[in-house]
């Protein structure tokens, strides 16, 4: 008899029900808020990369980059100089949300817009960077069609959001930006790195 009364009291007791309901609902709620925050950061990083690459590509478009680096012949040094224009002290850091240590840049020229092709940054078989991505710099001359591809590894906290997106073996997301343009017929009389 006492057992029945005890079970009736226990079943009818609602003290703490809100706490249990909150505990059940809070975990998915916090996960959804975290996922939204992460997607916003990825979008922001992508927009930052686009904007930074556009500003740096403009220096190639006008020939200023070539003139500033006219004594340089090394592809690695030219890529580093372009990377510095995106990430360095001279670059405007207007809320940049990506680190530059994982930024890779590839610059190539093409004979026409139709023939231009963006470099492949990701090797799907290995889940890492493509072997030669980030090592190629083809110097742009006046009137050349130039393809500049920048890519970076962006770390993520919620890896389940990478479904359907290119992601590295460590769970980082690939963020890419590409600029295709035809350089201006700038003055090369003072020399350029494309001699």
N, C-alpha and C. Protein backbone atom coordinates (compact mmCIF):
# COMPACT_ATOMS: atom_id res chain seq x y z
N UNK A 1 0.82 -1.18 0.00
CA UNK A 1 0.00 0.00 0.00
C UNK A 1 0.87 1.26 0.00
N UNK A 2 1.89 1.26 0.82
CA UNK A 2 2.78 2.40 0.86
C UNK A 2 3.48 2.61 -0.47
N UNK A 3 3.81 1.51 -1.13
CA UNK A 3 4.47 1.62 -2.43
C UNK A 3 3.58 2.31 -3.44
N UNK A 4 2.28 2.02 -3.43
CA UNK A 4 1.36 2.67 -4.38
C UNK A 4 1.30 4.18 -4.12
N UNK A 5 1.20 4.56 -2.89
CA UNK A 5 1.14 5.98 -2.57
C UNK A 5 2.45 6.67 -2.98
N UNK A 6 3.53 6.00 -2.75
CA UNK A 6 4.83 6.57 -3.11
C UNK A 6 4.91 6.81 -4.62
N UNK A 7 4.47 5.81 -5.42
CA UNK A 7 4.50 5.96 -6.88
C UNK A 7 3.53 7.03 -7.37
N UNK A 8 2.36 7.15 -6.74
CA UNK A 8 1.40 8.19 -7.12
C UNK A 8 1.98 9.58 -6.84
N UNK A 9 2.58 9.71 -5.67
CA UNK A 9 3.20 11.00 -5.34
C UNK A 9 4.33 11.33 -6.30
N UNK A 10 5.12 10.30 -6.61
CA UNK A 10 6.26 10.51 -7.52
C UNK A 10 5.77 10.90 -8.92
N UNK A 11 4.74 10.22 -9.43
CA UNK A 11 4.20 10.52 -10.76
C UNK A 11 3.53 11.88 -10.81
N UNK A 12 2.94 12.30 -9.74
CA UNK A 12 2.25 13.58 -9.71
C UNK A 12 3.15 14.77 -9.38
N UNK A 13 4.35 14.50 -8.95
CA UNK A 13 5.26 15.57 -8.56
C UNK A 13 5.85 16.23 -9.81
N UNK A 14 5.69 17.54 -9.97
CA UNK A 14 6.22 18.27 -11.13
C UNK A 14 7.37 19.19 -10.76
N UNK A 15 7.82 19.14 -9.53
CA UNK A 15 8.98 19.94 -9.13
C UNK A 15 10.20 19.49 -9.92
N UNK A 16 10.87 20.42 -10.55
CA UNK A 16 12.08 20.08 -11.31
C UNK A 16 11.81 19.67 -12.75
N UNK A 17 10.55 19.62 -13.17
CA UNK A 17 10.24 19.23 -14.55
C UNK A 17 10.81 20.23 -15.55
N UNK A 18 10.75 21.50 -15.18
CA UNK A 18 11.31 22.53 -16.07
C UNK A 18 12.81 22.37 -16.24
N UNK A 19 13.48 22.00 -15.16
CA UNK A 19 14.93 21.81 -15.24
C UNK A 19 15.27 20.64 -16.15
N UNK A 20 14.50 19.57 -16.06
CA UNK A 20 14.74 18.41 -16.91
C UNK A 20 14.44 18.75 -18.37
N UNK A 21 13.34 19.44 -18.63
CA UNK A 21 13.00 19.84 -19.99
C UNK A 21 14.06 20.77 -20.57
N UNK A 22 14.53 21.72 -19.76
CA UNK A 22 15.58 22.63 -20.22
C UNK A 22 16.85 21.85 -20.56
N UNK A 23 17.21 20.89 -19.73
CA UNK A 23 18.41 20.09 -19.98
C UNK A 23 18.28 19.32 -21.29
N UNK A 24 17.10 18.81 -21.58
CA UNK A 24 16.89 18.06 -22.82
C UNK A 24 16.93 18.96 -24.05
N UNK A 25 16.41 20.18 -23.92
CA UNK A 25 16.32 21.10 -25.06
C UNK A 25 17.60 21.92 -25.23
N UNK A 26 18.33 22.18 -24.15
CA UNK A 26 19.47 23.09 -24.23
C UNK A 26 20.62 22.56 -25.08
N UNK A 27 20.87 21.27 -25.04
CA UNK A 27 22.00 20.72 -25.81
C UNK A 27 21.80 20.93 -27.31
N UNK A 28 20.66 20.52 -27.88
CA UNK A 28 20.47 20.81 -29.32
C UNK A 28 20.44 22.30 -29.63
N UNK A 29 19.88 23.09 -28.72
CA UNK A 29 19.81 24.54 -28.92
C UNK A 29 21.21 25.14 -28.98
N UNK A 30 22.08 24.76 -28.06
CA UNK A 30 23.45 25.27 -28.05
C UNK A 30 24.20 24.80 -29.29
N UNK A 31 23.98 23.58 -29.75
CA UNK A 31 24.61 23.08 -30.98
C UNK A 31 24.15 23.89 -32.19
N UNK A 32 22.88 24.21 -32.27
CA UNK A 32 22.36 24.99 -33.40
C UNK A 32 22.94 26.40 -33.38
N UNK A 33 23.00 27.02 -32.21
CA UNK A 33 23.57 28.37 -32.09
C UNK A 33 25.05 28.34 -32.49
N UNK A 34 25.79 27.33 -32.04
CA UNK A 34 27.21 27.18 -32.40
C UNK A 34 27.39 26.97 -33.89
N UNK A 35 26.54 26.16 -34.51
CA UNK A 35 26.63 25.91 -35.95
C UNK A 35 26.34 27.19 -36.73
N UNK A 36 25.36 27.96 -36.31
CA UNK A 36 25.05 29.23 -36.98
C UNK A 36 26.23 30.18 -36.86
N UNK A 37 26.83 30.26 -35.68
CA UNK A 37 27.98 31.12 -35.45
C UNK A 37 29.15 30.70 -36.35
N UNK A 38 29.39 29.38 -36.43
CA UNK A 38 30.47 28.88 -37.28
C UNK A 38 30.23 29.20 -38.76
N UNK A 39 29.02 29.01 -39.24
CA UNK A 39 28.71 29.32 -40.64
C UNK A 39 28.88 30.82 -40.91
N UNK A 40 28.54 31.65 -39.96
CA UNK A 40 28.74 33.09 -40.12
C UNK A 40 30.23 33.42 -40.22
N UNK A 41 31.06 32.79 -39.39
CA UNK A 41 32.50 33.02 -39.45
C UNK A 41 33.10 32.55 -40.77
N UNK A 42 32.63 31.41 -41.28
CA UNK A 42 33.12 30.90 -42.56
C UNK A 42 32.75 31.86 -43.68
N UNK A 43 31.52 32.36 -43.66
CA UNK A 43 31.09 33.34 -44.66
C UNK A 43 31.92 34.61 -44.57
N UNK A 44 32.16 35.07 -43.36
CA UNK A 44 32.95 36.28 -43.14
C UNK A 44 34.37 36.09 -43.65
N UNK A 45 34.98 34.95 -43.34
CA UNK A 45 36.34 34.66 -43.82
C UNK A 45 36.38 34.61 -45.33
N UNK A 46 35.37 34.03 -45.94
CA UNK A 46 35.30 33.96 -47.40
C UNK A 46 35.20 35.36 -48.02
N UNK A 47 34.37 36.20 -47.44
CA UNK A 47 34.23 37.57 -47.92
C UNK A 47 35.52 38.35 -47.71
N UNK A 48 36.19 38.14 -46.56
CA UNK A 48 37.48 38.80 -46.29
C UNK A 48 38.51 38.40 -47.33
N UNK A 49 38.58 37.11 -47.63
CA UNK A 49 39.54 36.63 -48.62
C UNK A 49 39.24 37.23 -49.99
N UNK A 50 37.98 37.26 -50.37
CA UNK A 50 37.59 37.86 -51.65
C UNK A 50 38.03 39.32 -51.73
N UNK A 51 37.72 40.08 -50.68
CA UNK A 51 38.04 41.51 -50.68
C UNK A 51 39.56 41.74 -50.69
N UNK A 52 40.29 40.99 -49.87
CA UNK A 52 41.74 41.15 -49.81
C UNK A 52 42.39 40.78 -51.13
N UNK A 53 41.91 39.71 -51.75
CA UNK A 53 42.48 39.30 -53.04
C UNK A 53 42.16 40.33 -54.12
N UNK A 54 40.95 40.87 -54.11
CA UNK A 54 40.59 41.90 -55.09
C UNK A 54 41.51 43.11 -55.00
N UNK A 55 41.78 43.55 -53.77
CA UNK A 55 42.65 44.72 -53.57
C UNK A 55 44.07 44.44 -54.03
N UNK A 56 44.58 43.25 -53.72
CA UNK A 56 45.94 42.90 -54.14
C UNK A 56 46.01 42.66 -55.65
N UNK A 57 44.98 42.07 -56.21
CA UNK A 57 44.96 41.82 -57.66
C UNK A 57 44.96 43.13 -58.43
N UNK A 58 44.39 44.15 -57.86
CA UNK A 58 44.38 45.46 -58.53
C UNK A 58 45.79 45.97 -58.75
N UNK A 59 46.72 45.66 -57.85
CA UNK A 59 48.10 46.10 -58.05
C UNK A 59 48.76 45.38 -59.23
N UNK A 60 48.34 44.14 -59.49
CA UNK A 60 48.84 43.44 -60.68
C UNK A 60 48.16 44.01 -61.92
N UNK A 61 46.87 44.29 -61.81
CA UNK A 61 46.09 44.84 -62.91
C UNK A 61 46.68 46.15 -63.43
N UNK A 62 47.14 46.99 -62.52
CA UNK A 62 47.68 48.30 -62.91
C UNK A 62 49.18 48.27 -63.19
N UNK A 63 49.85 47.16 -62.87
CA UNK A 63 51.29 47.05 -63.09
C UNK A 63 52.12 47.52 -61.91
N UNK A 64 51.47 48.03 -60.86
CA UNK A 64 52.21 48.51 -59.69
C UNK A 64 52.97 47.38 -58.99
N UNK A 65 52.37 46.20 -58.93
CA UNK A 65 53.04 45.07 -58.28
C UNK A 65 54.30 44.68 -59.06
N UNK A 66 54.18 44.63 -60.39
CA UNK A 66 55.33 44.27 -61.23
C UNK A 66 56.44 45.30 -61.09
N UNK A 67 56.08 46.59 -61.06
CA UNK A 67 57.08 47.64 -60.94
C UNK A 67 57.75 47.61 -59.57
N UNK A 68 56.98 47.33 -58.52
CA UNK A 68 57.54 47.29 -57.17
C UNK A 68 58.46 46.09 -56.96
N UNK A 69 58.27 45.05 -57.76
CA UNK A 69 59.06 43.82 -57.62
C UNK A 69 59.91 43.55 -58.85
N UNK A 70 60.33 44.61 -59.55
CA UNK A 70 61.03 44.44 -60.82
C UNK A 70 62.39 43.76 -60.67
N UNK A 71 62.99 43.82 -59.51
CA UNK A 71 64.29 43.15 -59.33
C UNK A 71 64.12 41.69 -58.91
N UNK A 72 62.92 41.28 -58.65
CA UNK A 72 62.66 39.93 -58.16
C UNK A 72 62.40 38.96 -59.32
N UNK A 73 63.04 37.80 -59.30
CA UNK A 73 62.83 36.79 -60.35
C UNK A 73 62.29 35.47 -59.78
N UNK A 74 62.41 35.29 -58.49
CA UNK A 74 62.00 34.04 -57.85
C UNK A 74 60.48 33.97 -57.70
N UNK A 75 59.88 32.86 -58.15
CA UNK A 75 58.43 32.67 -58.00
C UNK A 75 58.03 32.68 -56.54
N UNK A 76 58.82 32.02 -55.70
CA UNK A 76 58.50 31.97 -54.26
C UNK A 76 58.49 33.37 -53.65
N UNK A 77 59.47 34.18 -54.02
CA UNK A 77 59.55 35.54 -53.47
C UNK A 77 58.40 36.40 -53.98
N UNK A 78 58.02 36.23 -55.24
CA UNK A 78 56.91 37.00 -55.80
C UNK A 78 55.59 36.58 -55.16
N UNK A 79 55.41 35.28 -54.93
CA UNK A 79 54.20 34.80 -54.25
C UNK A 79 54.16 35.35 -52.83
N UNK A 80 55.30 35.33 -52.15
CA UNK A 80 55.36 35.86 -50.78
C UNK A 80 55.05 37.36 -50.77
N UNK A 81 55.53 38.08 -51.76
CA UNK A 81 55.25 39.51 -51.84
C UNK A 81 53.76 39.76 -52.05
N UNK A 82 53.13 38.94 -52.89
CA UNK A 82 51.68 39.06 -53.11
C UNK A 82 50.93 38.67 -51.84
N UNK A 83 51.40 37.65 -51.17
CA UNK A 83 50.79 37.22 -49.91
C UNK A 83 50.91 38.33 -48.86
N UNK A 84 52.06 39.00 -48.84
CA UNK A 84 52.25 40.12 -47.91
C UNK A 84 51.30 41.27 -48.23
N UNK A 85 51.00 41.47 -49.50
CA UNK A 85 50.06 42.54 -49.85
C UNK A 85 48.64 42.19 -49.39
N UNK A 86 48.36 40.92 -49.23
CA UNK A 86 47.05 40.48 -48.72
C UNK A 86 47.04 40.50 -47.20
N UNK A 87 48.14 40.02 -46.60
CA UNK A 87 48.16 39.79 -45.15
C UNK A 87 49.15 40.63 -44.36
N UNK A 88 50.10 41.24 -45.03
CA UNK A 88 51.18 41.91 -44.33
C UNK A 88 50.78 43.18 -43.62
N UNK A 89 51.78 43.85 -43.08
CA UNK A 89 51.55 45.08 -42.32
C UNK A 89 50.93 46.18 -43.17
N UNK A 90 51.25 46.17 -44.48
CA UNK A 90 50.71 47.21 -45.36
C UNK A 90 49.26 46.94 -45.75
N UNK A 91 48.83 45.68 -45.58
CA UNK A 91 47.46 45.32 -45.96
C UNK A 91 46.48 45.86 -44.93
N UNK A 92 45.36 46.39 -45.40
CA UNK A 92 44.37 46.87 -44.44
C UNK A 92 43.73 45.68 -43.73
N UNK A 93 43.80 45.66 -42.42
CA UNK A 93 43.21 44.57 -41.64
C UNK A 93 41.84 45.01 -41.15
N UNK A 94 40.92 45.08 -42.06
CA UNK A 94 39.57 45.52 -41.72
C UNK A 94 38.74 44.33 -41.26
N UNK A 95 39.04 43.84 -40.07
CA UNK A 95 38.27 42.73 -39.52
C UNK A 95 38.59 41.40 -40.16
N UNK A 96 39.83 41.18 -40.55
CA UNK A 96 40.19 39.91 -41.19
C UNK A 96 40.02 38.78 -40.17
N UNK A 97 39.35 37.74 -40.55
CA UNK A 97 39.08 36.62 -39.65
C UNK A 97 39.76 35.33 -40.11
N UNK A 98 40.77 35.46 -40.93
CA UNK A 98 41.52 34.26 -41.32
C UNK A 98 43.00 34.48 -41.07
N UNK A 99 43.67 33.41 -40.73
CA UNK A 99 45.10 33.48 -40.52
C UNK A 99 45.83 33.29 -41.83
N UNK A 100 46.93 33.95 -41.99
CA UNK A 100 47.65 33.90 -43.26
C UNK A 100 48.66 32.77 -43.36
N UNK A 101 48.86 32.04 -42.28
CA UNK A 101 49.85 30.96 -42.32
C UNK A 101 49.41 29.83 -43.26
N UNK A 102 48.12 29.64 -43.43
CA UNK A 102 47.62 28.59 -44.32
C UNK A 102 47.14 29.12 -45.66
N UNK A 103 47.47 30.36 -45.99
CA UNK A 103 47.07 30.96 -47.27
C UNK A 103 48.05 30.56 -48.36
N UNK A 104 47.51 30.10 -49.48
CA UNK A 104 48.34 29.75 -50.64
C UNK A 104 47.78 30.50 -51.84
N UNK A 105 48.71 30.96 -52.70
CA UNK A 105 48.32 31.75 -53.87
C UNK A 105 48.97 31.15 -55.11
N UNK A 106 48.23 31.13 -56.20
CA UNK A 106 48.72 30.64 -57.47
C UNK A 106 48.36 31.68 -58.54
N UNK A 107 49.34 32.10 -59.33
CA UNK A 107 49.12 33.11 -60.36
C UNK A 107 49.53 32.53 -61.71
N UNK A 108 48.61 32.58 -62.67
CA UNK A 108 48.92 32.09 -64.02
C UNK A 108 48.34 33.05 -65.05
N UNK A 109 48.84 32.94 -66.27
CA UNK A 109 48.32 33.76 -67.37
C UNK A 109 47.68 32.85 -68.40
N UNK A 110 46.87 33.45 -69.25
CA UNK A 110 46.15 32.69 -70.25
C UNK A 110 46.10 33.49 -71.55
N UNK A 111 45.84 32.80 -72.64
CA UNK A 111 45.77 33.47 -73.94
C UNK A 111 44.40 34.11 -74.18
N UNK A 112 43.36 33.61 -73.48
CA UNK A 112 42.02 34.18 -73.64
C UNK A 112 41.22 33.93 -72.37
N UNK A 113 40.13 34.64 -72.24
CA UNK A 113 39.27 34.43 -71.07
C UNK A 113 38.67 33.03 -71.11
N UNK A 114 38.31 32.56 -72.30
CA UNK A 114 37.72 31.22 -72.43
C UNK A 114 38.70 30.13 -72.05
N UNK A 115 39.98 30.35 -72.32
CA UNK A 115 40.99 29.34 -72.01
C UNK A 115 41.51 29.44 -70.59
N UNK A 116 41.16 30.50 -69.87
CA UNK A 116 41.68 30.66 -68.51
C UNK A 116 41.06 29.62 -67.59
N UNK A 117 41.87 29.13 -66.67
CA UNK A 117 41.43 28.08 -65.77
C UNK A 117 42.00 28.33 -64.38
N UNK A 118 41.17 28.20 -63.38
CA UNK A 118 41.60 28.36 -61.99
C UNK A 118 42.41 27.15 -61.57
N UNK A 119 43.45 27.38 -60.80
CA UNK A 119 44.29 26.29 -60.32
C UNK A 119 43.51 25.41 -59.35
N UNK A 120 43.84 24.12 -59.34
CA UNK A 120 43.21 23.18 -58.43
C UNK A 120 43.96 23.19 -57.10
N UNK A 121 43.27 23.57 -56.05
CA UNK A 121 43.92 23.73 -54.75
C UNK A 121 43.88 22.47 -53.90
N UNK A 122 42.91 21.61 -54.13
CA UNK A 122 42.67 20.48 -53.23
C UNK A 122 42.80 19.16 -53.96
N UNK A 123 43.51 18.22 -53.36
CA UNK A 123 43.65 16.87 -53.90
C UNK A 123 42.66 15.97 -53.16
N UNK A 124 41.62 15.55 -53.86
CA UNK A 124 40.56 14.77 -53.23
C UNK A 124 41.03 13.39 -52.78
N UNK A 125 42.02 12.83 -53.45
CA UNK A 125 42.51 11.50 -53.10
C UNK A 125 43.26 11.51 -51.76
N UNK A 126 44.04 12.55 -51.52
CA UNK A 126 44.83 12.60 -50.29
C UNK A 126 44.17 13.42 -49.19
N UNK A 127 43.20 14.26 -49.55
CA UNK A 127 42.54 15.12 -48.56
C UNK A 127 43.44 16.25 -48.09
N UNK A 128 44.40 16.64 -48.95
CA UNK A 128 45.33 17.71 -48.61
C UNK A 128 45.44 18.66 -49.80
N UNK A 129 46.39 19.60 -49.71
CA UNK A 129 46.64 20.52 -50.80
C UNK A 129 47.09 19.76 -52.04
N UNK A 130 46.75 20.27 -53.22
CA UNK A 130 47.30 19.73 -54.46
C UNK A 130 48.80 19.94 -54.45
N UNK A 131 49.50 19.03 -55.08
CA UNK A 131 50.96 18.99 -54.99
C UNK A 131 51.62 20.32 -55.36
N UNK A 132 51.26 20.93 -56.47
CA UNK A 132 51.94 22.12 -56.95
C UNK A 132 51.20 23.42 -56.65
N UNK A 133 50.07 23.33 -55.98
CA UNK A 133 49.31 24.56 -55.73
C UNK A 133 50.06 25.46 -54.76
N UNK A 134 50.10 26.74 -55.09
CA UNK A 134 50.77 27.72 -54.24
C UNK A 134 52.24 27.91 -54.55
N UNK A 135 52.71 27.29 -55.65
CA UNK A 135 54.12 27.42 -56.02
C UNK A 135 54.31 28.11 -57.37
N UNK A 136 53.20 28.36 -58.06
CA UNK A 136 53.30 28.88 -59.43
C UNK A 136 53.01 30.38 -59.47
N UNK A 137 53.95 31.12 -60.06
CA UNK A 137 53.73 32.54 -60.31
C UNK A 137 54.20 32.82 -61.73
N UNK A 138 53.26 33.09 -62.61
CA UNK A 138 53.57 33.49 -63.98
C UNK A 138 53.39 35.00 -64.04
N UNK A 139 54.45 35.69 -64.36
CA UNK A 139 54.43 37.14 -64.32
C UNK A 139 53.52 37.71 -65.42
N UNK A 140 52.70 38.67 -65.02
CA UNK A 140 51.75 39.29 -65.94
C UNK A 140 52.39 40.46 -66.65
N UNK A 141 52.28 40.45 -67.96
CA UNK A 141 52.76 41.55 -68.78
C UNK A 141 51.57 42.42 -69.18
N UNK A 142 51.82 43.60 -69.72
CA UNK A 142 50.69 44.45 -70.13
C UNK A 142 49.77 43.74 -71.12
N UNK A 143 48.48 43.76 -70.85
CA UNK A 143 47.49 43.15 -71.72
C UNK A 143 47.27 41.66 -71.51
N UNK A 144 48.01 41.04 -70.59
CA UNK A 144 47.84 39.60 -70.32
C UNK A 144 46.54 39.34 -69.56
N UNK A 145 45.99 38.16 -69.78
CA UNK A 145 44.85 37.70 -68.99
C UNK A 145 45.44 36.89 -67.84
N UNK A 146 45.10 37.29 -66.64
CA UNK A 146 45.71 36.73 -65.43
C UNK A 146 44.64 36.04 -64.59
N UNK A 147 44.99 34.87 -64.06
CA UNK A 147 44.12 34.13 -63.15
C UNK A 147 44.87 34.02 -61.82
N UNK A 148 44.31 34.63 -60.78
CA UNK A 148 44.91 34.57 -59.45
C UNK A 148 43.96 33.77 -58.56
N UNK A 149 44.47 32.69 -58.01
CA UNK A 149 43.68 31.85 -57.12
C UNK A 149 44.30 31.86 -55.74
N UNK A 150 43.52 32.20 -54.75
CA UNK A 150 43.97 32.17 -53.35
C UNK A 150 43.09 31.17 -52.61
N UNK A 151 43.72 30.38 -51.77
CA UNK A 151 42.98 29.39 -50.99
C UNK A 151 43.58 29.29 -49.60
N UNK A 152 42.73 28.92 -48.64
CA UNK A 152 43.24 28.75 -47.29
C UNK A 152 42.47 27.66 -46.57
N UNK A 153 43.15 27.08 -45.58
CA UNK A 153 42.52 26.12 -44.68
C UNK A 153 41.89 26.91 -43.56
N UNK A 154 40.61 26.67 -43.32
CA UNK A 154 39.93 27.39 -42.24
C UNK A 154 39.45 26.37 -41.21
N UNK A 155 39.94 26.46 -39.99
CA UNK A 155 39.56 25.47 -38.97
C UNK A 155 38.10 25.63 -38.57
N UNK A 156 37.45 24.50 -38.32
CA UNK A 156 36.05 24.52 -37.91
C UNK A 156 35.88 23.69 -36.64
N UNK A 157 34.91 24.06 -35.84
CA UNK A 157 34.63 23.34 -34.60
C UNK A 157 33.60 22.24 -34.82
N UNK A 158 32.62 22.50 -35.66
CA UNK A 158 31.56 21.53 -35.92
C UNK A 158 31.80 20.88 -37.28
N UNK A 159 32.51 19.79 -37.27
CA UNK A 159 32.91 19.14 -38.52
C UNK A 159 31.73 18.53 -39.28
N UNK A 160 30.65 18.26 -38.60
CA UNK A 160 29.48 17.70 -39.29
C UNK A 160 28.90 18.68 -40.30
N UNK A 161 29.28 19.96 -40.20
CA UNK A 161 28.82 20.95 -41.17
C UNK A 161 29.60 20.90 -42.48
N UNK A 162 30.65 20.10 -42.53
CA UNK A 162 31.46 20.00 -43.74
C UNK A 162 30.85 19.07 -44.79
N UNK A 163 29.75 18.46 -44.47
CA UNK A 163 29.12 17.54 -45.43
C UNK A 163 28.75 18.31 -46.68
N UNK A 164 29.26 17.84 -47.82
CA UNK A 164 28.98 18.49 -49.10
C UNK A 164 29.96 19.60 -49.45
N UNK A 165 30.90 19.89 -48.56
CA UNK A 165 31.90 20.93 -48.82
C UNK A 165 33.28 20.28 -48.87
N UNK A 166 34.20 20.95 -49.56
CA UNK A 166 35.57 20.46 -49.61
C UNK A 166 36.21 20.71 -48.26
N UNK A 167 36.70 19.62 -47.66
CA UNK A 167 37.35 19.76 -46.36
C UNK A 167 38.58 18.86 -46.30
N UNK A 168 39.57 19.33 -45.55
CA UNK A 168 40.82 18.61 -45.41
C UNK A 168 40.65 17.44 -44.45
N UNK A 169 41.64 16.58 -44.44
CA UNK A 169 41.59 15.41 -43.57
C UNK A 169 41.48 15.77 -42.09
N UNK A 170 42.01 16.92 -41.70
CA UNK A 170 41.93 17.33 -40.29
C UNK A 170 40.61 18.04 -39.96
N UNK A 171 39.69 18.10 -40.94
CA UNK A 171 38.38 18.72 -40.72
C UNK A 171 38.30 20.18 -41.10
N UNK A 172 39.43 20.79 -41.45
CA UNK A 172 39.43 22.20 -41.86
C UNK A 172 38.68 22.35 -43.18
N UNK A 173 38.06 23.49 -43.35
CA UNK A 173 37.29 23.79 -44.57
C UNK A 173 38.18 24.53 -45.55
N UNK A 174 38.04 24.23 -46.84
CA UNK A 174 38.76 24.95 -47.89
C UNK A 174 37.95 26.17 -48.28
N UNK A 175 38.59 27.34 -48.23
CA UNK A 175 37.97 28.58 -48.69
C UNK A 175 38.83 29.09 -49.85
N UNK A 176 38.20 29.36 -50.99
CA UNK A 176 38.93 29.80 -52.18
C UNK A 176 38.34 31.08 -52.73
N UNK A 177 39.21 31.83 -53.39
CA UNK A 177 38.79 33.03 -54.11
C UNK A 177 39.62 33.11 -55.38
N UNK A 178 39.00 33.50 -56.48
CA UNK A 178 39.69 33.60 -57.76
C UNK A 178 39.37 34.92 -58.43
N UNK A 179 40.39 35.52 -59.01
CA UNK A 179 40.24 36.75 -59.78
C UNK A 179 40.74 36.46 -61.19
N UNK A 180 39.94 36.79 -62.19
CA UNK A 180 40.35 36.69 -63.59
C UNK A 180 40.22 38.09 -64.18
N UNK A 181 41.31 38.57 -64.79
CA UNK A 181 41.32 39.94 -65.30
C UNK A 181 42.31 40.06 -66.45
N UNK A 182 42.18 41.14 -67.17
CA UNK A 182 43.17 41.48 -68.20
C UNK A 182 43.90 42.72 -67.72
N UNK A 183 45.24 42.62 -67.64
CA UNK A 183 46.01 43.74 -67.12
C UNK A 183 45.93 44.94 -68.05
N UNK A 184 46.10 46.11 -67.48
CA UNK A 184 46.12 47.34 -68.26
C UNK A 184 47.42 47.40 -69.08
N UNK A 185 47.42 48.19 -70.13
CA UNK A 185 48.67 48.37 -70.88
C UNK A 185 49.58 49.36 -70.16
N UNK A 186 50.10 48.94 -69.01
CA UNK A 186 50.90 49.83 -68.18
C UNK A 186 52.30 50.03 -68.77
N UNK A 187 52.96 51.07 -68.30
CA UNK A 187 54.29 51.45 -68.78
C UNK A 187 55.36 50.52 -68.21
N UNK A 188 56.18 49.94 -69.07
CA UNK A 188 57.26 49.05 -68.62
C UNK A 188 58.64 49.64 -68.92
N UNK A 189 58.69 50.92 -69.28
CA UNK A 189 59.96 51.52 -69.66
C UNK A 189 60.97 51.55 -68.50
N UNK A 190 60.48 51.58 -67.26
CA UNK A 190 61.40 51.60 -66.11
C UNK A 190 61.77 50.20 -65.66
N UNK A 191 61.30 49.21 -66.40
CA UNK A 191 61.61 47.81 -66.06
C UNK A 191 60.47 47.16 -65.31
N UNK A 192 60.45 45.84 -65.35
CA UNK A 192 59.44 45.07 -64.61
C UNK A 192 60.01 43.69 -64.33
N UNK A 193 59.36 42.96 -63.46
CA UNK A 193 59.82 41.63 -63.12
C UNK A 193 59.56 40.64 -64.24
N UNK A 194 58.88 41.08 -65.28
CA UNK A 194 58.55 40.21 -66.41
C UNK A 194 59.48 40.38 -67.58
N UNK A 195 60.65 40.89 -67.37
CA UNK A 195 61.54 41.16 -68.50
C UNK A 195 62.00 39.90 -69.18
